[in-house]
Amino acid sequence: MNIPAVSAGNKDQNMTTRCGFVALVGAPNAGKSTLLNRVSGAKLSIVSPKAQTTRFRTLGIVMRDQAQMIFVDLPGIFKPRRRLDRAMVNAAWNGSQDADLTLLMIDAKAGLRDDVREIVEKLSQSSKKVWLVLNKTDLVGPARLLPLTQEISGLIKVEHVFMVSARSGDGVEDLMDHVAGALEEGPFLYPEDDLTDLPDRLLAAELVREQIFMQTHEEIPYQATVETESFKERPDGSVRIEVTIYVSRPGHKAILIGEGGQKIKSIGARARAELQDLLDRPCHLFLNVKERAGWDEEKARLRAIGLDDNT
């Protein structure tokens, strides 16, 4: 996807370039996707108030002076039950191991919950470079932040500590400056005007899935998956996109469609508006809902959404 990247400096050919992968690791709802969207200046990763929204790794390619920072938004780490869950958690840990730098993101308001402690403990066993990023610090009094930092630092060795609000942007510029300066010297791995490596058809499916999270409740968002069946360029410059939503139960299909088709129309309308803004061209989006029991245990469905099925 070739959208102009933010913060691209004027590159002097005689200056040394830096490049590296930066993994965003943490529990669900730590704010990883919000931070990725903030630093990239575009909606690359879908966001909702519900946990476990991100299902696969998403790259955000950010230029800063002579550094190309490749941020990797990973699924939140939790106790898996289904094949889908195991694939998500596996993607998160693999992404962390493959990165040059790991940003351990912790919700400062939620603090050191049991699931966060487990993540910290496992990261502490790795030799990878880890920085601590306390997020949502705008929701926490300063008196709570220092004890929390000390407690975390007693569990894992971190090189730096940053206190940010990914939602408001507080502290994010300082974090980016430090990341850019810490990367190893080396050539850029992506063209400077690239913003992500995600194909447009996958972005289309994700924006539809985001609206399912935003407009439905309880288990429905977690029991649905979205695939782009067709993505065709039209002579007038617009694109026709056909998307299928798979659900596990007949009742979920009825809820997604809604009375008189109103719910699926609303999901489609909002997803189309987001997609047109992201792709900067007219989009004709068509949604279809199908019942498919057990889709979250199918290897083909996992591969379709960009997850490794070897779990």
Protein backbone atom coordinates (compact mmCIF):
# COMPACT_ATOMS: atom_id res chain seq x y z
CA MET A 1 0.00 0.00 0.00
CA ASN A 2 1.72 3.20 -1.14
CA ILE A 3 0.51 6.10 0.99
CA PRO A 4 3.01 8.90 1.63
CA ALA A 5 4.72 8.26 4.94
CA VAL A 6 4.70 10.88 7.68
CA SER A 7 7.74 12.73 9.00
CA ALA A 8 9.93 11.92 5.98
CA GLY A 9 13.04 14.07 6.18
CA ASN A 10 15.21 15.32 3.34
CA LYS A 11 17.70 12.47 2.96
CA ASP A 12 21.32 13.48 2.47
CA GLN A 13 23.04 10.75 0.48
CA ASN A 14 26.18 11.21 2.58
CA MET A 15 24.42 10.61 5.88
CA THR A 16 24.20 7.22 7.57
CA THR A 17 20.81 5.56 7.48
CA ARG A 18 19.30 3.42 10.22
CA CYS A 19 16.62 0.76 9.96
CA GLY A 20 15.00 -1.83 12.20
CA PHE A 21 11.89 -3.64 13.38
CA VAL A 22 10.18 -2.45 16.57
CA ALA A 23 7.68 -4.89 18.11
CA LEU A 24 4.71 -3.63 20.13
CA VAL A 25 4.07 -6.34 22.74
CA GLY A 26 1.54 -6.42 25.55
CA ALA A 27 -1.79 -7.65 26.82
CA PRO A 28 -5.02 -6.99 24.88
CA ASN A 29 -6.17 -3.36 25.10
CA ALA A 30 -2.75 -2.02 26.09
CA GLY A 31 -3.03 0.51 23.24
CA LYS A 32 -0.63 -1.04 20.72
CA SER A 33 -2.85 -0.40 17.69
CA THR A 34 -3.61 3.15 18.83
CA LEU A 35 0.12 3.83 19.08
CA LEU A 36 0.79 2.35 15.64
CA ASN A 37 -1.89 4.55 14.08
CA ARG A 38 -0.54 7.57 15.95
CA VAL A 39 3.10 7.19 14.80
CA SER A 40 2.16 6.30 11.21
CA GLY A 41 -0.43 9.05 10.84
CA ALA A 42 -2.99 6.68 9.29
CA LYS A 43 -5.39 3.95 10.36
CA LEU A 44 -3.33 0.85 9.65
CA SER A 45 -4.57 -1.24 12.57
CA ILE A 46 -8.21 -1.38 13.62
CA VAL A 47 -9.10 -0.15 17.10
CA SER A 48 -12.05 -0.79 19.39
CA PRO A 49 -12.71 -0.60 23.13
CA LYS A 50 -13.01 -4.41 23.15
CA ALA A 51 -10.02 -6.63 23.90
CA GLN A 52 -8.36 -8.92 21.34
CA THR A 53 -9.25 -6.75 18.35
CA THR A 54 -5.92 -7.26 16.54
CA ARG A 55 -5.56 -10.76 15.05
CA PHE A 56 -2.33 -10.62 13.01
CA ARG A 57 0.84 -8.60 12.77
CA THR A 58 0.55 -5.21 11.09
CA LEU A 59 3.52 -3.18 9.91
CA GLY A 60 3.70 0.59 10.13
CA ILE A 61 6.69 2.06 8.24
CA VAL A 62 7.67 5.43 9.70
CA MET A 63 10.45 7.71 8.44
CA ARG A 64 12.23 9.99 10.89
CA ASP A 65 15.31 11.88 9.71
CA GLN A 66 17.68 9.16 8.46
CA ALA A 67 15.89 6.30 10.23
CA GLN A 68 13.25 3.92 8.91
CA MET A 69 11.32 2.57 11.90
CA ILE A 70 9.25 -0.51 11.09
CA PHE A 71 6.70 -0.76 13.88
CA VAL A 72 5.07 -4.16 14.23
CA ASP A 73 1.64 -4.17 15.89
CA LEU A 74 1.09 -7.66 17.29
CA PRO A 75 -1.99 -9.39 18.69
CA GLY A 76 -2.48 -9.00 22.43
CA ILE A 77 -1.17 -11.96 24.43
CA PHE A 78 -3.77 -13.93 26.38
CA LYS A 79 -4.61 -17.52 27.32
CA PRO A 80 -5.64 -19.24 24.05
CA ARG A 81 -8.57 -21.62 23.73
CA ARG A 82 -9.21 -22.00 20.00
CA ARG A 83 -6.86 -22.61 17.06
CA LEU A 84 -7.46 -18.96 16.16
CA ASP A 85 -6.35 -17.87 19.66
CA ARG A 86 -3.24 -20.03 19.53
CA ALA A 87 -2.30 -18.62 16.13
CA MET A 88 -2.73 -15.05 17.41
CA VAL A 89 -0.56 -15.60 20.49
CA ASN A 90 2.03 -17.46 18.40
CA ALA A 91 2.17 -14.51 15.99
CA ALA A 92 2.76 -12.14 18.90
CA TRP A 93 5.67 -14.07 20.40
CA ASN A 94 7.28 -14.76 17.00
CA GLY A 95 7.01 -11.09 16.12
CA SER A 96 8.74 -10.13 19.33
CA GLN A 97 11.60 -12.58 18.74
CA ASP A 98 12.12 -11.35 15.19
CA ALA A 99 12.30 -7.67 16.15
CA ASP A 100 15.40 -5.56 16.80
CA LEU A 101 13.69 -3.77 19.69
CA THR A 102 10.65 -4.70 21.79
CA LEU A 103 8.38 -2.06 23.29
CA LEU A 104 6.61 -3.65 26.25
CA MET A 105 3.34 -1.72 26.38
CA ILE A 106 1.42 -1.74 29.65
CA ASP A 107 -1.85 -0.02 30.43
CA ALA A 108 -0.83 2.20 33.35
CA LYS A 109 -4.39 2.42 34.60
CA ALA A 110 -4.87 -1.37 34.68
CA GLY A 111 -1.40 -1.94 36.17
CA LEU A 112 0.26 -5.31 36.71
CA ARG A 113 -2.60 -7.73 36.24
CA ASP A 114 -1.86 -11.45 36.27
CA ASP A 115 -1.84 -11.68 32.47
CA VAL A 116 0.60 -8.76 32.26
CA ARG A 117 2.88 -10.42 34.83
CA GLU A 118 2.99 -13.57 32.70
CA ILE A 119 4.00 -11.56 29.63
CA VAL A 120 6.69 -9.71 31.58
CA GLU A 121 8.02 -12.99 32.99
CA LYS A 122 8.30 -14.59 29.56
CA LEU A 123 9.92 -11.50 28.03
CA SER A 124 12.45 -11.44 30.88
CA GLN A 125 13.72 -14.84 29.74
CA SER A 126 14.67 -13.46 26.33
CA SER A 127 17.93 -11.73 25.48
CA LYS A 128 16.08 -9.20 23.33
CA LYS A 129 16.33 -5.46 23.99
CA VAL A 130 13.19 -4.32 25.85
CA TRP A 131 11.93 -0.80 26.54
CA LEU A 132 8.98 -0.17 28.85
CA VAL A 133 6.15 2.01 27.55
CA LEU A 134 3.51 2.90 30.12
CA ASN A 135 0.44 3.93 28.13
CA LYS A 136 -2.74 5.79 29.16
CA THR A 137 -0.73 7.83 31.66
CA ASP A 138 -3.20 10.68 31.15
CA LEU A 139 -5.71 8.56 33.09
CA VAL A 140 -3.42 7.93 36.08
CA GLY A 141 -2.13 10.24 38.79
CA PRO A 142 1.66 10.81 38.88
CA ALA A 143 1.87 9.26 42.35
CA ARG A 144 0.96 5.84 40.93
CA LEU A 145 3.39 5.84 38.01
CA LEU A 146 6.71 5.67 39.86
CA PRO A 147 5.75 2.68 42.08
CA LEU A 148 4.38 0.87 39.01
CA THR A 149 7.60 1.53 37.10
CA GLN A 150 9.70 0.27 39.99
CA GLU A 151 7.59 -2.87 40.34
CA ILE A 152 7.90 -3.71 36.63
CA SER A 153 11.62 -2.95 36.62
CA GLY A 154 12.02 -5.44 39.45
CA LEU A 155 10.59 -8.17 37.20
CA ILE A 156 12.39 -7.42 33.94
CA LYS A 157 15.46 -5.47 32.84
CA VAL A 158 14.38 -2.55 30.66
CA GLU A 159 16.78 -0.11 29.03
CA HIS A 160 14.42 2.87 29.00
CA VAL A 161 11.03 3.83 30.40
CA PHE A 162 8.55 6.04 28.53
CA MET A 163 5.26 7.40 29.77
CA VAL A 164 2.85 8.16 26.96
CA SER A 165 -0.74 8.56 25.94
CA ALA A 166 -1.15 6.98 22.52
CA ARG A 167 -4.66 8.44 22.38
CA SER A 168 -3.63 12.09 22.90
CA GLY A 169 -0.06 11.82 21.62
CA ASP A 170 1.58 12.93 24.87
CA GLY A 171 5.13 11.58 25.06
CA VAL A 172 4.95 9.85 21.66
CA GLU A 173 7.34 12.23 19.87
CA ASP A 174 10.01 11.66 22.52
CA LEU A 175 9.57 7.90 22.20
CA MET A 176 9.95 8.07 18.41
CA ASP A 177 13.10 10.20 18.68
CA HIS A 178 14.71 7.63 20.96
CA VAL A 179 13.66 4.69 18.79
CA ALA A 180 15.05 6.33 15.66
CA GLY A 181 18.39 6.94 17.36
CA ALA A 182 18.64 3.41 18.79
CA LEU A 183 18.27 1.46 15.55
CA GLU A 184 21.32 -0.13 13.97
CA GLU A 185 22.94 1.47 10.95
CA GLY A 186 21.77 -0.09 7.70
CA PRO A 187 19.87 0.47 4.45
CA PHE A 188 16.13 1.04 4.34
CA LEU A 189 14.15 -2.15 3.80
CA TYR A 190 11.10 -0.48 2.23
CA PRO A 191 10.60 2.43 -0.17
CA GLU A 192 10.45 5.70 1.74
CA ASP A 193 6.89 6.45 0.61
CA ASP A 194 5.48 3.10 1.77
CA LEU A 195 3.40 3.15 4.93
CA THR A 196 2.60 -0.56 5.36
CA ASP A 197 3.07 -3.91 3.68
CA LEU A 198 -0.59 -4.89 4.04
CA PRO A 199 -2.42 -5.44 0.74
CA ASP A 200 -5.47 -3.25 0.15
CA ARG A 201 -7.81 -6.26 0.12
CA LEU A 202 -6.74 -7.18 3.65
CA LEU A 203 -7.19 -3.61 4.83
CA ALA A 204 -10.72 -3.68 3.40
CA ALA A 205 -11.57 -6.82 5.37
CA GLU A 206 -10.10 -5.34 8.55
CA LEU A 207 -12.13 -2.13 8.28
CA VAL A 208 -15.30 -4.20 7.95
CA ARG A 209 -14.27 -6.25 10.98
CA GLU A 210 -13.65 -3.06 12.94
CA GLN A 211 -17.24 -1.99 12.34
CA ILE A 212 -18.47 -5.39 13.53
CA PHE A 213 -16.59 -4.75 16.77
CA MET A 214 -18.00 -1.24 17.04
CA GLN A 215 -21.61 -2.01 16.12
CA THR A 216 -22.26 -5.44 17.68
CA HIS A 217 -21.85 -6.74 21.21
CA GLU A 218 -20.94 -9.66 23.46
CA GLU A 219 -19.44 -12.64 21.62
CA ILE A 220 -20.43 -11.72 18.05
CA PRO A 221 -17.21 -9.81 17.14
CA TYR A 222 -15.11 -12.74 18.39
CA GLN A 223 -17.19 -15.32 16.53
CA ALA A 224 -16.90 -13.56 13.16
CA THR A 225 -14.15 -13.38 10.56
CA VAL A 226 -13.99 -11.28 7.40
CA GLU A 227 -12.45 -12.10 4.03
CA THR A 228 -12.20 -10.05 0.84
CA GLU A 229 -13.40 -12.28 -2.00
CA SER A 230 -12.89 -9.80 -4.83
CA PHE A 231 -11.00 -6.52 -5.26
CA LYS A 232 -11.36 -5.15 -8.79
CA GLU A 233 -10.14 -1.89 -10.27
CA ARG A 234 -12.73 -0.04 -12.38
CA PRO A 235 -12.02 2.10 -15.48
CA ASP A 236 -13.22 5.24 -13.66
CA GLY A 237 -10.52 4.85 -10.97
CA SER A 238 -12.84 3.45 -8.34
CA VAL A 239 -12.67 -0.07 -6.94
CA ARG A 240 -15.34 -2.74 -6.46
CA ILE A 241 -14.84 -4.83 -3.32
CA GLU A 242 -16.79 -7.92 -2.35
CA VAL A 243 -16.40 -9.04 1.25
CA THR A 244 -17.74 -12.12 3.06
CA ILE A 245 -18.38 -12.20 6.80
CA TYR A 246 -18.32 -15.69 8.30
CA VAL A 247 -20.16 -16.32 11.57
CA SER A 248 -20.45 -19.42 13.74
CA ARG A 249 -24.19 -19.47 14.45
CA PRO A 250 -27.47 -18.72 12.65
CA GLY A 251 -28.42 -16.24 15.37
CA HIS A 252 -25.26 -14.26 14.78
CA LYS A 253 -26.05 -14.01 11.09
CA ALA A 254 -29.49 -12.61 11.86
CA ILE A 255 -28.05 -10.02 14.26
CA LEU A 256 -25.39 -8.91 11.79
CA ILE A 257 -27.94 -8.45 9.02
CA GLY A 258 -30.42 -6.74 11.32
CA GLU A 259 -34.07 -5.97 10.79
CA GLY A 260 -34.62 -5.10 7.17
CA GLY A 261 -30.88 -5.31 6.59
CA GLN A 262 -30.24 -2.13 8.56
CA LYS A 263 -27.29 -3.39 10.61
CA ILE A 264 -25.29 -4.75 7.68
CA LYS A 265 -26.02 -1.54 5.73
CA SER A 266 -24.65 0.53 8.62
CA ILE A 267 -21.54 -1.66 8.90
CA GLY A 268 -20.94 -1.38 5.16
CA ALA A 269 -21.51 2.38 5.02
CA ARG A 270 -19.05 3.19 7.79
CA ALA A 271 -16.43 0.73 6.56
CA ARG A 272 -16.73 2.16 3.04
CA ALA A 273 -16.21 5.71 4.32
CA GLU A 274 -13.06 4.66 6.23
CA LEU A 275 -11.74 2.74 3.23
CA GLN A 276 -12.31 5.61 0.79
CA ASP A 277 -10.43 7.93 3.13
CA LEU A 278 -7.55 5.47 3.44
CA LEU A 279 -7.27 4.61 -0.27
CA ASP A 280 -8.19 8.13 -1.43
CA ARG A 281 -10.59 6.94 -4.13
CA PRO A 282 -14.24 5.88 -4.48
CA CYS A 283 -15.02 2.37 -3.21
CA HIS A 284 -18.05 0.22 -3.99
CA LEU A 285 -18.30 -2.18 -1.06
CA PHE A 286 -20.61 -5.22 -1.06
CA LEU A 287 -21.04 -7.38 2.05
CA ASN A 288 -22.31 -10.94 2.33
CA VAL A 289 -22.88 -12.85 5.59
CA LYS A 290 -22.48 -16.63 5.70
CA GLU A 291 -22.85 -19.12 8.53
CA ARG A 292 -19.79 -21.38 8.87
CA ALA A 293 -19.63 -23.29 12.15
CA GLY A 294 -16.09 -23.93 13.39
CA TRP A 295 -14.39 -21.43 11.08
CA ASP A 296 -12.01 -20.50 13.93
CA GLU A 297 -10.53 -24.03 13.80
CA GLU A 298 -10.03 -24.07 10.01
CA LYS A 299 -6.48 -23.67 8.73
CA ALA A 300 -7.72 -22.10 5.51
CA ARG A 301 -9.61 -19.37 7.39
CA LEU A 302 -6.54 -18.56 9.48
CA ARG A 303 -4.34 -18.34 6.40
CA ALA A 304 -6.89 -16.03 4.79
CA ILE A 305 -6.51 -13.51 7.61
CA GLY A 306 -2.73 -13.67 7.60
CA LEU A 307 -2.09 -16.08 10.48
CA ASP A 308 0.26 -19.06 10.61
CA ASP A 309 -1.82 -22.24 10.80
CA ASN A 310 0.96 -24.37 12.36
CA THR A 311 -0.46 -24.23 15.86
